[in-house]
PDB file of all heavy atoms in Angstrom:
ATOM      1  N   SER A   1      68.002 -39.880  58.123  1.00  0.00           N
ATOM      2  CA  SER A   1      68.623 -39.827  56.807  1.00  0.00           C
ATOM      3  C   SER A   1      70.122 -39.602  56.990  1.00  0.00           C
ATOM      4  O   SER A   1      70.573 -39.113  58.037  1.00  0.00           O
ATOM      5  CB  SER A   1      68.012 -38.713  55.951  1.00  0.00           C
ATOM      6  OG  SER A   1      68.167 -37.465  56.593  1.00  0.00           O
ATOM      7  N   ILE A   2      70.875 -39.968  55.970  1.00  0.00           N
ATOM      8  CA  ILE A   2      72.317 -39.742  55.993  1.00  0.00           C
ATOM      9  C   ILE A   2      72.574 -38.267  55.771  1.00  0.00           C
ATOM     10  O   ILE A   2      71.955 -37.643  54.905  1.00  0.00           O
ATOM     11  CB  ILE A   2      73.024 -40.593  54.909  1.00  0.00           C
ATOM     12  CG1 ILE A   2      72.878 -42.087  55.240  1.00  0.00           C
ATOM     13  CG2 ILE A   2      74.492 -40.202  54.785  1.00  0.00           C
ATOM     14  CD1 ILE A   2      73.466 -43.019  54.206  1.00  0.00           C
ATOM     15  N   VAL A   3      73.480 -37.697  56.532  1.00  0.00           N
ATOM     16  CA  VAL A   3      73.870 -36.306  56.350  1.00  0.00           C
ATOM     17  C   VAL A   3      74.619 -36.211  55.018  1.00  0.00           C
ATOM     18  O   VAL A   3      75.555 -36.985  54.787  1.00  0.00           O
ATOM     19  CB  VAL A   3      74.770 -35.823  57.514  1.00  0.00           C
ATOM     20  CG1 VAL A   3      75.327 -34.438  57.236  1.00  0.00           C
ATOM     21  CG2 VAL A   3      73.999 -35.843  58.830  1.00  0.00           C
ATOM     22  N   PRO A   4      74.192 -35.304  54.135  1.00  0.00           N
ATOM     23  CA  PRO A   4      74.871 -35.189  52.841  1.00  0.00           C
ATOM     24  C   PRO A   4      76.384 -34.994  53.018  1.00  0.00           C
ATOM     25  O   PRO A   4      76.824 -34.196  53.840  1.00  0.00           O
ATOM     26  CB  PRO A   4      74.237 -33.949  52.208  1.00  0.00           C
ATOM     27  CG  PRO A   4      72.906 -33.839  52.879  1.00  0.00           C
ATOM     28  CD  PRO A   4      73.109 -34.347  54.283  1.00  0.00           C
ATOM     29  N   ASN A   5      77.140 -35.737  52.274  1.00  0.00           N
ATOM     30  CA  ASN A   5      78.607 -35.670  52.257  1.00  0.00           C
ATOM     31  C   ASN A   5      79.277 -36.087  53.562  1.00  0.00           C
ATOM     32  O   ASN A   5      80.485 -35.924  53.711  1.00  0.00           O
ATOM     33  CB  ASN A   5      79.094 -34.280  51.837  1.00  0.00           C
ATOM     34  CG  ASN A   5      78.557 -33.884  50.481  1.00  0.00           C
ATOM     35  OD1 ASN A   5      78.523 -34.688  49.557  1.00  0.00           O
ATOM     36  ND2 ASN A   5      78.096 -32.656  50.361  1.00  0.00           N
ATOM     37  N   ALA A   6      78.536 -36.629  54.510  1.00  0.00           N
ATOM     38  CA  ALA A   6      79.130 -37.017  55.793  1.00  0.00           C
ATOM     39  C   ALA A   6      80.166 -38.116  55.630  1.00  0.00           C
ATOM     40  O   ALA A   6      81.176 -38.129  56.337  1.00  0.00           O
ATOM     41  CB  ALA A   6      78.051 -37.464  56.773  1.00  0.00           C
ATOM     42  N   LEU A   7      79.931 -39.025  54.708  1.00  0.00           N
ATOM     43  CA  LEU A   7      80.877 -40.118  54.519  1.00  0.00           C
ATOM     44  C   LEU A   7      82.114 -39.684  53.744  1.00  0.00           C
ATOM     45  O   LEU A   7      83.114 -40.398  53.721  1.00  0.00           O
ATOM     46  CB  LEU A   7      80.189 -41.308  53.858  1.00  0.00           C
ATOM     47  CG  LEU A   7      79.148 -41.969  54.767  1.00  0.00           C
ATOM     48  CD1 LEU A   7      78.301 -42.957  53.995  1.00  0.00           C
ATOM     49  CD2 LEU A   7      79.803 -42.631  55.956  1.00  0.00           C
ATOM     50  N   ASP A   8      82.070 -38.494  53.123  1.00  0.00           N
ATOM     51  CA  ASP A   8      83.258 -37.971  52.448  1.00  0.00           C
ATOM     52  C   ASP A   8      84.407 -37.798  53.436  1.00  0.00           C
ATOM     53  O   ASP A   8      85.561 -38.066  53.107  1.00  0.00           O
ATOM     54  CB  ASP A   8      82.969 -36.615  51.793  1.00  0.00           C
ATOM     55  CG  ASP A   8      82.036 -36.728  50.597  1.00  0.00           C
ATOM     56  OD1 ASP A   8      81.758 -37.868  50.157  1.00  0.00           O
ATOM     57  OD2 ASP A   8      81.584 -35.674  50.120  1.00  0.00           O
ATOM     58  N   GLU A   9      84.084 -37.362  54.633  1.00  0.00           N
ATOM     59  CA  GLU A   9      85.116 -37.163  55.649  1.00  0.00           C
ATOM     60  C   GLU A   9      85.780 -38.484  56.022  1.00  0.00           C
ATOM     61  O   GLU A   9      87.000 -38.568  56.128  1.00  0.00           O
ATOM     62  CB  GLU A   9      84.509 -36.501  56.890  1.00  0.00           C
ATOM     63  CG  GLU A   9      85.530 -36.128  57.932  1.00  0.00           C
ATOM     64  CD  GLU A   9      84.911 -35.423  59.122  1.00  0.00           C
ATOM     65  OE1 GLU A   9      83.676 -35.351  59.243  1.00  0.00           O
ATOM     66  OE2 GLU A   9      85.702 -34.946  59.958  1.00  0.00           O
ATOM     67  N   ALA A  10      84.973 -39.534  56.196  1.00  0.00           N
ATOM     68  CA  ALA A  10      85.539 -40.850  56.499  1.00  0.00           C
ATOM     69  C   ALA A  10      86.394 -41.332  55.332  1.00  0.00           C
ATOM     70  O   ALA A  10      87.489 -41.874  55.535  1.00  0.00           O
ATOM     71  CB  ALA A  10      84.421 -41.847  56.804  1.00  0.00           C
ATOM     72  N   HIS A  11      85.931 -41.123  54.125  1.00  0.00           N
ATOM     73  CA  HIS A  11      86.693 -41.486  52.930  1.00  0.00           C
ATOM     74  C   HIS A  11      88.045 -40.781  52.933  1.00  0.00           C
ATOM     75  O   HIS A  11      89.086 -41.395  52.714  1.00  0.00           O
ATOM     76  CB  HIS A  11      85.892 -41.116  51.681  1.00  0.00           C
ATOM     77  CG  HIS A  11      86.633 -41.291  50.405  1.00  0.00           C
ATOM     78  ND1 HIS A  11      87.384 -40.290  49.850  1.00  0.00           N
ATOM     79  CD2 HIS A  11      86.746 -42.361  49.583  1.00  0.00           C
ATOM     80  CE1 HIS A  11      87.927 -40.721  48.729  1.00  0.00           C
ATOM     81  NE2 HIS A  11      87.558 -41.976  48.546  1.00  0.00           N
ATOM     82  N   ASP A  12      88.026 -39.472  53.192  1.00  0.00           N
ATOM     83  CA  ASP A  12      89.268 -38.694  53.193  1.00  0.00           C
ATOM     84  C   ASP A  12      90.230 -39.166  54.280  1.00  0.00           C
ATOM     85  O   ASP A  12      91.446 -39.213  54.069  1.00  0.00           O
ATOM     86  CB  ASP A  12      88.964 -37.204  53.366  1.00  0.00           C
ATOM     87  CG  ASP A  12      88.231 -36.618  52.164  1.00  0.00           C
ATOM     88  OD1 ASP A  12      88.194 -37.278  51.094  1.00  0.00           O
ATOM     89  OD2 ASP A  12      87.674 -35.513  52.303  1.00  0.00           O
ATOM     90  N   LEU A  13      89.688 -39.531  55.434  1.00  0.00           N
ATOM     91  CA  LEU A  13      90.546 -40.044  56.509  1.00  0.00           C
ATOM     92  C   LEU A  13      91.213 -41.353  56.096  1.00  0.00           C
ATOM     93  O   LEU A  13      92.405 -41.550  56.342  1.00  0.00           O
ATOM     94  CB  LEU A  13      89.741 -40.252  57.792  1.00  0.00           C
ATOM     95  CG  LEU A  13      89.348 -38.982  58.541  1.00  0.00           C
ATOM     96  CD1 LEU A  13      88.254 -39.291  59.556  1.00  0.00           C
ATOM     97  CD2 LEU A  13      90.559 -38.372  59.222  1.00  0.00           C
ATOM     98  N   VAL A  14      90.460 -42.233  55.442  1.00  0.00           N
ATOM     99  CA  VAL A  14      91.027 -43.502  54.987  1.00  0.00           C
ATOM    100  C   VAL A  14      92.093 -43.254  53.927  1.00  0.00           C
ATOM    101  O   VAL A  14      93.175 -43.843  53.966  1.00  0.00           O
ATOM    102  CB  VAL A  14      89.917 -44.444  54.458  1.00  0.00           C
ATOM    103  CG1 VAL A  14      90.515 -45.649  53.754  1.00  0.00           C
ATOM    104  CG2 VAL A  14      89.022 -44.886  55.599  1.00  0.00           C
ATOM    105  N   ILE A  15      91.805 -42.374  52.996  1.00  0.00           N
ATOM    106  CA  ILE A  15      92.760 -42.061  51.928  1.00  0.00           C
ATOM    107  C   ILE A  15      94.076 -41.561  52.515  1.00  0.00           C
ATOM    108  O   ILE A  15      95.149 -41.863  51.998  1.00  0.00           O
ATOM    109  CB  ILE A  15      92.160 -41.025  50.945  1.00  0.00           C
ATOM    110  CG1 ILE A  15      91.055 -41.666  50.121  1.00  0.00           C
ATOM    111  CG2 ILE A  15      93.230 -40.421  50.051  1.00  0.00           C
ATOM    112  CD1 ILE A  15      91.499 -42.803  49.233  1.00  0.00           C
ATOM    113  N   ASN A  16      93.996 -40.823  53.613  1.00  0.00           N
ATOM    114  CA  ASN A  16      95.226 -40.307  54.228  1.00  0.00           C
ATOM    115  C   ASN A  16      96.118 -41.409  54.785  1.00  0.00           C
ATOM    116  O   ASN A  16      97.291 -41.188  55.032  1.00  0.00           O
ATOM    117  CB  ASN A  16      94.892 -39.295  55.326  1.00  0.00           C
ATOM    118  CG  ASN A  16      94.456 -37.977  54.752  1.00  0.00           C
ATOM    119  OD1 ASN A  16      94.884 -37.577  53.677  1.00  0.00           O
ATOM    120  ND2 ASN A  16      93.581 -37.291  55.451  1.00  0.00           N
ATOM    121  N   PHE A  17      95.554 -42.619  54.970  1.00  0.00           N
ATOM    122  CA  PHE A  17      96.361 -43.742  55.447  1.00  0.00           C
ATOM    123  C   PHE A  17      97.083 -44.477  54.312  1.00  0.00           C
ATOM    124  O   PHE A  17      97.918 -45.331  54.571  1.00  0.00           O
ATOM    125  CB  PHE A  17      95.494 -44.748  56.221  1.00  0.00           C
ATOM    126  CG  PHE A  17      95.093 -44.267  57.577  1.00  0.00           C
ATOM    127  CD1 PHE A  17      93.760 -44.053  57.879  1.00  0.00           C
ATOM    128  CD2 PHE A  17      96.042 -44.024  58.563  1.00  0.00           C
ATOM    129  CE1 PHE A  17      93.377 -43.604  59.134  1.00  0.00           C
ATOM    130  CE2 PHE A  17      95.671 -43.574  59.815  1.00  0.00           C
ATOM    131  CZ  PHE A  17      94.343 -43.363  60.102  1.00  0.00           C
ATOM    132  N   VAL A  18      96.729 -44.160  53.066  1.00  0.00           N
ATOM    133  CA  VAL A  18      97.379 -44.821  51.931  1.00  0.00           C
ATOM    134  C   VAL A  18      98.848 -44.417  51.927  1.00  0.00           C
ATOM    135  O   VAL A  18      99.168 -43.224  51.965  1.00  0.00           O
ATOM    136  CB  VAL A  18      96.696 -44.426  50.600  1.00  0.00           C
ATOM    137  CG1 VAL A  18      97.459 -44.989  49.414  1.00  0.00           C
ATOM    138  CG2 VAL A  18      95.251 -44.892  50.601  1.00  0.00           C
ATOM    139  N   PRO A  19      99.755 -45.396  51.902  1.00  0.00           N
ATOM    140  CA  PRO A  19     101.194 -45.066  51.896  1.00  0.00           C
ATOM    141  C   PRO A  19     101.554 -44.201  50.696  1.00  0.00           C
ATOM    142  O   PRO A  19     101.034 -44.392  49.596  1.00  0.00           O
ATOM    143  CB  PRO A  19     101.875 -46.437  51.802  1.00  0.00           C
ATOM    144  CG  PRO A  19     100.856 -47.417  52.253  1.00  0.00           C
ATOM    145  CD  PRO A  19      99.515 -46.833  51.900  1.00  0.00           C
ATOM    146  N   LYS A  20     102.424 -43.263  50.923  1.00  0.00           N
ATOM    147  CA  LYS A  20     102.868 -42.346  49.862  1.00  0.00           C
ATOM    148  C   LYS A  20     103.494 -43.120  48.705  1.00  0.00           C
ATOM    149  O   LYS A  20     103.415 -42.716  47.572  1.00  0.00           O
ATOM    150  CB  LYS A  20     103.869 -41.328  50.410  1.00  0.00           C
ATOM    151  CG  LYS A  20     103.329 -40.492  51.545  1.00  0.00           C
ATOM    152  CD  LYS A  20     102.400 -39.424  51.043  1.00  0.00           C
ATOM    153  CE  LYS A  20     102.025 -38.520  52.192  1.00  0.00           C
ATOM    154  NZ  LYS A  20     100.653 -38.259  52.300  1.00  0.00           N
ATOM    155  N   SER A  21     104.132 -44.244  48.987  1.00  0.00           N
ATOM    156  CA  SER A  21     104.822 -45.020  47.959  1.00  0.00           C
ATOM    157  C   SER A  21     103.874 -45.761  47.024  1.00  0.00           C
ATOM    158  O   SER A  21     104.313 -46.362  46.060  1.00  0.00           O
ATOM    159  CB  SER A  21     105.767 -46.034  48.612  1.00  0.00           C
ATOM    160  OG  SER A  21     105.017 -46.953  49.380  1.00  0.00           O
ATOM    161  N   SER A  22     102.570 -45.714  47.290  1.00  0.00           N
ATOM    162  CA  SER A  22     101.626 -46.452  46.457  1.00  0.00           C
ATOM    163  C   SER A  22     101.304 -45.734  45.156  1.00  0.00           C
ATOM    164  O   SER A  22     100.471 -46.171  44.394  1.00  0.00           O
ATOM    165  CB  SER A  22     100.336 -46.727  47.232  1.00  0.00           C
ATOM    166  OG  SER A  22      99.634 -45.522  47.431  1.00  0.00           O
ATOM    167  N   GLY A  23     101.962 -44.623  44.899  1.00  0.00           N
ATOM    168  CA  GLY A  23     101.740 -43.894  43.664  1.00  0.00           C
ATOM    169  C   GLY A  23     100.643 -42.860  43.811  1.00  0.00           C
ATOM    170  O   GLY A  23     100.293 -42.443  44.904  1.00  0.00           O
ATOM    171  N   SER A  24     100.087 -42.488  42.683  1.00  0.00           N
ATOM    172  CA  SER A  24      99.090 -41.410  42.698  1.00  0.00           C
ATOM    173  C   SER A  24      97.666 -41.926  42.805  1.00  0.00           C
ATOM    174  O   SER A  24      96.734 -41.146  42.799  1.00  0.00           O
ATOM    175  CB  SER A  24      99.232 -40.566  41.428  1.00  0.00           C
ATOM    176  OG  SER A  24      98.955 -41.371  40.298  1.00  0.00           O
ATOM    177  N   ARG A  25      97.464 -43.221  42.902  1.00  0.00           N
ATOM    178  CA  ARG A  25      96.110 -43.771  43.015  1.00  0.00           C
ATOM    179  C   ARG A  25      95.522 -43.362  44.355  1.00  0.00           C
ATOM    180  O   ARG A  25      95.978 -43.780  45.395  1.00  0.00           O
ATOM    181  CB  ARG A  25      96.150 -45.287  42.894  1.00  0.00           C
ATOM    182  CG  ARG A  25      94.776 -45.878  42.857  1.00  0.00           C
ATOM    183  CD  ARG A  25      94.842 -47.323  42.392  1.00  0.00           C
ATOM    184  NE  ARG A  25      93.505 -47.850  42.341  1.00  0.00           N
ATOM    185  CZ  ARG A  25      93.021 -48.701  43.238  1.00  0.00           C
ATOM    186  NH1 ARG A  25      93.784 -49.150  44.210  1.00  0.00           N
ATOM    187  NH2 ARG A  25      91.792 -49.128  43.152  1.00  0.00           N
ATOM    188  N   ARG A  26      94.481 -42.547  44.348  1.00  0.00           N
ATOM    189  CA  ARG A  26      93.907 -41.979  45.566  1.00  0.00           C
ATOM    190  C   ARG A  26      92.416 -42.241  45.684  1.00  0.00           C
ATOM    191  O   ARG A  26      91.716 -41.478  46.315  1.00  0.00           O
ATOM    192  CB  ARG A  26      94.158 -40.476  45.626  1.00  0.00           C
ATOM    193  CG  ARG A  26      95.592 -40.046  45.505  1.00  0.00           C
ATOM    194  CD  ARG A  26      96.450 -40.535  46.624  1.00  0.00           C
ATOM    195  NE  ARG A  26      96.247 -39.721  47.794  1.00  0.00           N
ATOM    196  CZ  ARG A  26      96.789 -39.964  48.967  1.00  0.00           C
ATOM    197  NH1 ARG A  26      97.570 -40.993  49.122  1.00  0.00           N
ATOM    198  NH2 ARG A  26      96.551 -39.200  49.984  1.00  0.00           N
ATOM    199  N   THR A  27      91.901 -43.305  45.074  1.00  0.00           N
ATOM    200  CA  THR A  27      90.484 -43.608  45.183  1.00  0.00           C
ATOM    201  C   THR A  27      90.299 -44.969  45.830  1.00  0.00           C
ATOM    202  O   THR A  27      91.173 -45.828  45.763  1.00  0.00           O
ATOM    203  CB  THR A  27      89.789 -43.618  43.802  1.00  0.00           C
ATOM    204  OG1 THR A  27      90.423 -44.590  42.981  1.00  0.00           O
ATOM    205  CG2 THR A  27      89.867 -42.251  43.148  1.00  0.00           C
ATOM    206  N   LEU A  28      89.177 -45.153  46.461  1.00  0.00           N
ATOM    207  CA  LEU A  28      88.828 -46.431  47.074  1.00  0.00           C
ATOM    208  C   LEU A  28      87.846 -47.154  46.179  1.00  0.00           C
ATOM    209  O   LEU A  28      86.961 -46.538  45.592  1.00  0.00           O
ATOM    210  CB  LEU A  28      88.202 -46.219  48.455  1.00  0.00           C
ATOM    211  CG  LEU A  28      89.117 -45.684  49.530  1.00  0.00           C
ATOM    212  CD1 LEU A  28      88.332 -45.508  50.823  1.00  0.00           C
ATOM    213  CD2 LEU A  28      90.282 -46.619  49.766  1.00  0.00           C
ATOM    214  N   ARG A  29      87.974 -48.433  46.124  1.00  0.00           N
ATOM    215  CA  ARG A  29      87.080 -49.272  45.351  1.00  0.00           C
ATOM    216  C   ARG A  29      85.864 -49.604  46.213  1.00  0.00           C
ATOM    217  O   ARG A  29      86.010 -49.937  47.383  1.00  0.00           O
ATOM    218  CB  ARG A  29      87.831 -50.536  44.981  1.00  0.00           C
ATOM    219  CG  ARG A  29      87.126 -51.452  44.069  1.00  0.00           C
ATOM    220  CD  ARG A  29      88.062 -52.571  43.672  1.00  0.00           C
ATOM    221  NE  ARG A  29      88.604 -53.205  44.859  1.00  0.00           N
ATOM    222  CZ  ARG A  29      88.468 -54.494  45.146  1.00  0.00           C
ATOM    223  NH1 ARG A  29      87.848 -55.281  44.325  1.00  0.00           N
ATOM    224  NH2 ARG A  29      88.968 -54.997  46.245  1.00  0.00           N
ATOM    225  N   VAL A  30      84.679 -49.513  45.664  1.00  0.00           N
ATOM    226  CA  VAL A  30      83.458 -49.870  46.380  1.00  0.00           C
ATOM    227  C   VAL A  30      83.259 -51.368  46.217  1.00  0.00           C
ATOM    228  O   VAL A  30      83.260 -51.880  45.100  1.00  0.00           O
ATOM    229  CB  VAL A  30      82.243 -49.110  45.828  1.00  0.00           C
ATOM    230  CG1 VAL A  30      80.969 -49.568  46.503  1.00  0.00           C
ATOM    231  CG2 VAL A  30      82.439 -47.616  45.997  1.00  0.00           C
ATOM    232  N   ILE A  31      83.110 -52.065  47.338  1.00  0.00           N
ATOM    233  CA  ILE A  31      82.893 -53.504  47.280  1.00  0.00           C
ATOM    234  C   ILE A  31      81.533 -53.842  47.847  1.00  0.00           C
ATOM    235  O   ILE A  31      81.079 -53.231  48.803  1.00  0.00           O
ATOM    236  CB  ILE A  31      84.006 -54.286  48.015  1.00  0.00           C
ATOM    237  CG1 ILE A  31      84.124 -53.828  49.464  1.00  0.00           C
ATOM    238  CG2 ILE A  31      85.317 -54.139  47.310  1.00  0.00           C
ATOM    239  CD1 ILE A  31      85.100 -54.614  50.288  1.00  0.00           C
ATOM    240  N   GLY A  32      80.877 -54.790  47.228  1.00  0.00           N
ATOM    241  CA  GLY A  32      79.588 -55.257  47.720  1.00  0.00           C
ATOM    242  C   GLY A  32      78.464 -54.302  47.397  1.00  0.00           C
ATOM    243  O   GLY A  32      78.655 -53.121  47.232  1.00  0.00           O
ATOM    244  N   SER A  33      77.293 -54.858  47.323  1.00  0.00           N
ATOM    245  CA  SER A  33      76.098 -54.071  47.081  1.00  0.00           C
ATOM    246  C   SER A  33      74.908 -54.933  47.435  1.00  0.00           C
ATOM    247  O   SER A  33      74.928 -56.132  47.226  1.00  0.00           O
ATOM    248  CB  SER A  33      76.020 -53.663  45.611  1.00  0.00           C
ATOM    249  OG  SER A  33      74.819 -52.980  45.378  1.00  0.00           O
ATOM    250  N   ARG A  34      73.917 -54.324  47.979  1.00  0.00           N
ATOM    251  CA  ARG A  34      72.710 -55.072  48.304  1.00  0.00           C
ATOM    252  C   ARG A  34      71.780 -55.056  47.114  1.00  0.00           C
ATOM    253  O   ARG A  34      71.564 -54.028  46.504  1.00  0.00           O
ATOM    254  CB  ARG A  34      72.010 -54.462  49.505  1.00  0.00           C
ATOM    255  CG  ARG A  34      72.775 -54.696  50.758  1.00  0.00           C
ATOM    256  CD  ARG A  34      71.869 -54.440  51.908  1.00  0.00           C
ATOM    257  NE  ARG A  34      72.648 -54.697  53.108  1.00  0.00           N
ATOM    258  CZ  ARG A  34      72.161 -55.303  54.143  1.00  0.00           C
ATOM    259  NH1 ARG A  34      70.938 -55.695  54.170  1.00  0.00           N
ATOM    260  NH2 ARG A  34      72.904 -55.503  55.205  1.00  0.00           N
ATOM    261  N   ALA A  35      71.221 -56.196  46.810  1.00  0.00           N
ATOM    262  CA  ALA A  35      70.260 -56.288  45.713  1.00  0.00           C
ATOM    263  C   ALA A  35      68.873 -55.917  46.212  1.00  0.00           C
ATOM    264  O   ALA A  35      68.572 -56.035  47.384  1.00  0.00           O
ATOM    265  CB  ALA A  35      70.245 -57.705  45.165  1.00  0.00           C
TER     266      ALA A  35
END
C-alpha cells in the first residue's frame, strides 16, 4: 500500500523548484487519470 502522505514530500520538493517570479501560485495540476 502507499504510505499515507508519502507523495506530499515529493510534491513539496517539486513546488520548491517553482521560480519565485511565477507569483503566488503554489499548486500542481493533476494530469491524466486511469479509467
